[in-house]
Structures are given as C-alpha cells and as structure tokens.
Amino acid sequence: MAGLAGDFDQTDLKEMFELYGEVKYAQVIIDRTTRKSKGFGFVEMLNNEDAKEAIRLLNGVKMLGKKIVVQKSDE
C-alpha cells in the first residue's frame, strides 16, 4: 500500500483494513529521522477473499488529500 499521509500509523492502517476482515499483520514503514510514515506499508489479512475485497475497494481512494495505491505484493 502506498500514498499514505505522513501522520498515518499502524493503528490507522489496521483499523482501515479491519473494516473488510480480520487483519493478521499491519505495518507502516517509518522514517528513522522524522519518525513519520514514509508513505507506504504492508497488510496481511487472514482471509484471501477479504483481502481481495479490501484491495478492490481501497485502491485509488483519496485519503487526506492523497490517492492511495493498494495492491497485492509479490510473495
């Protein structure tokens, strides 16, 4: 997931995806110097169908003035 606002944290990310199903893991990548989001993160959901639905519904959504990109990562 990319395009996150600088103050977006792991709790925000997890809560956003929990609207679509159970989240196993949510991580926002943080800049070591500023301690703010680098603008991207990773989410793992327990149910593959829930994950597909979250991707379909969240990809391209504007959040805090930024368009987010949500896609399945290569494993």
C-alpha atoms as a PDB file:
ATOM      1  CA  MET A   1       0.000   0.000   0.000  1.00  0.00           C
ATOM      2  CA  ALA A   2       1.384   3.415  -0.944  1.00  0.00           C
ATOM      3  CA  GLY A   3       0.304   7.045  -0.789  1.00  0.00           C
ATOM      4  CA  LEU A   4      -0.229   7.216   2.969  1.00  0.00           C
ATOM      5  CA  ALA A   5      -0.136  10.554   4.768  1.00  0.00           C
ATOM      6  CA  GLY A   6       2.913  11.309   6.930  1.00  0.00           C
ATOM      7  CA  ASP A   7       0.996  11.005  10.197  1.00  0.00           C
ATOM      8  CA  PHE A   8      -0.691   7.713   9.261  1.00  0.00           C
ATOM      9  CA  ASP A   9       0.357   4.966  11.687  1.00  0.00           C
ATOM     10  CA  GLN A  10      -0.015   1.203  12.122  1.00  0.00           C
ATOM     11  CA  THR A  11      -3.184   1.526  14.172  1.00  0.00           C
ATOM     12  CA  ASP A  12      -4.793   3.616  11.423  1.00  0.00           C
ATOM     13  CA  LEU A  13      -3.748   1.094   8.780  1.00  0.00           C
ATOM     14  CA  LYS A  14      -5.004  -1.891  10.751  1.00  0.00           C
ATOM     15  CA  GLU A  15      -8.324  -0.216  11.535  1.00  0.00           C
ATOM     16  CA  MET A  16      -8.830   0.718   7.891  1.00  0.00           C
ATOM     17  CA  PHE A  17      -8.398  -2.876   6.723  1.00  0.00           C
ATOM     18  CA  GLU A  18     -10.378  -4.374   9.625  1.00  0.00           C
ATOM     19  CA  LEU A  19     -13.463  -2.873   8.014  1.00  0.00           C
ATOM     20  CA  TYR A  20     -13.111  -5.662   5.418  1.00  0.00           C
ATOM     21  CA  GLY A  21     -11.963  -8.596   7.568  1.00  0.00           C
ATOM     22  CA  GLU A  22      -9.536  -9.834  10.191  1.00  0.00           C
ATOM     23  CA  VAL A  23      -6.031  -8.408   9.924  1.00  0.00           C
ATOM     24  CA  LYS A  24      -3.089 -10.658  10.808  1.00  0.00           C
ATOM     25  CA  TYR A  25      -0.388  -8.018  10.356  1.00  0.00           C
ATOM     26  CA  ALA A  26      -0.234  -4.288   9.582  1.00  0.00           C
ATOM     27  CA  GLN A  27       2.989  -2.291   9.327  1.00  0.00           C
ATOM     28  CA  VAL A  28       3.582   1.302   8.242  1.00  0.00           C
ATOM     29  CA  ILE A  29       7.187   1.947   7.237  1.00  0.00           C
ATOM     30  CA  ILE A  30       8.592   4.738   9.411  1.00  0.00           C
ATOM     31  CA  ASP A  31      11.397   7.190   8.618  1.00  0.00           C
ATOM     32  CA  ARG A  32      14.105   6.855  11.281  1.00  0.00           C
ATOM     33  CA  THR A  33      14.830  10.580  11.394  1.00  0.00           C
ATOM     34  CA  THR A  34      11.356  12.123  11.360  1.00  0.00           C
ATOM     35  CA  ARG A  35       9.555   9.141  12.963  1.00  0.00           C
ATOM     36  CA  LYS A  36       6.733   9.694  10.448  1.00  0.00           C
ATOM     37  CA  SER A  37       5.340   7.402   7.807  1.00  0.00           C
ATOM     38  CA  LYS A  38       7.378   7.048   4.617  1.00  0.00           C
ATOM     39  CA  GLY A  39       4.042   6.825   2.839  1.00  0.00           C
ATOM     40  CA  PHE A  40       3.752   3.072   2.430  1.00  0.00           C
ATOM     41  CA  GLY A  41       3.058  -0.057   4.425  1.00  0.00           C
ATOM     42  CA  PHE A  42       2.067  -3.702   4.363  1.00  0.00           C
ATOM     43  CA  VAL A  43      -1.040  -5.565   5.480  1.00  0.00           C
ATOM     44  CA  GLU A  44      -1.679  -9.286   5.750  1.00  0.00           C
ATOM     45  CA  MET A  45      -5.237 -10.483   6.194  1.00  0.00           C
ATOM     46  CA  LEU A  46      -6.349 -13.907   7.404  1.00  0.00           C
ATOM     47  CA  ASN A  47      -8.877 -14.446   4.625  1.00  0.00           C
ATOM     48  CA  ASN A  48      -7.775 -14.133   0.988  1.00  0.00           C
ATOM     49  CA  GLU A  49     -11.249 -13.154  -0.215  1.00  0.00           C
ATOM     50  CA  ASP A  50     -11.438 -10.365   2.374  1.00  0.00           C
ATOM     51  CA  ALA A  51      -8.026  -9.141   1.203  1.00  0.00           C
ATOM     52  CA  LYS A  52      -9.142  -9.088  -2.437  1.00  0.00           C
ATOM     53  CA  GLU A  53     -12.251  -7.110  -1.481  1.00  0.00           C
ATOM     54  CA  ALA A  54     -10.206  -4.604   0.547  1.00  0.00           C
ATOM     55  CA  ILE A  55      -7.826  -4.124  -2.401  1.00  0.00           C
ATOM     56  CA  ARG A  56     -10.725  -3.651  -4.813  1.00  0.00           C
ATOM     57  CA  LEU A  57     -12.481  -1.101  -2.613  1.00  0.00           C
ATOM     58  CA  LEU A  58      -9.490   0.854  -1.278  1.00  0.00           C
ATOM     59  CA  ASN A  59      -7.236   1.143  -4.329  1.00  0.00           C
ATOM     60  CA  GLY A  60      -7.427   4.655  -5.751  1.00  0.00           C
ATOM     61  CA  VAL A  61      -9.356   6.130  -2.815  1.00  0.00           C
ATOM     62  CA  LYS A  62      -8.404   9.683  -1.781  1.00  0.00           C
ATOM     63  CA  MET A  63      -7.405   9.870   1.853  1.00  0.00           C
ATOM     64  CA  LEU A  64      -6.276  13.101   3.499  1.00  0.00           C
ATOM     65  CA  GLY A  65      -5.856  14.630   0.047  1.00  0.00           C
ATOM     66  CA  LYS A  66      -3.680  11.803  -1.318  1.00  0.00           C
ATOM     67  CA  LYS A  67      -4.696   8.994  -3.625  1.00  0.00           C
ATOM     68  CA  ILE A  68      -3.688   5.661  -2.100  1.00  0.00           C
ATOM     69  CA  VAL A  69      -2.476   2.627  -4.029  1.00  0.00           C
ATOM     70  CA  VAL A  70      -3.467  -0.780  -2.679  1.00  0.00           C
ATOM     71  CA  GLN A  71      -2.249  -3.891  -4.443  1.00  0.00           C
ATOM     72  CA  LYS A  72      -1.181  -7.431  -3.732  1.00  0.00           C
ATOM     73  CA  SER A  73       2.563  -7.677  -3.157  1.00  0.00           C
ATOM     74  CA  ASP A  74       4.750 -10.286  -4.773  1.00  0.00           C
ATOM     75  CA  GLU A  75       5.484 -13.103  -2.406  1.00  0.00           C
END
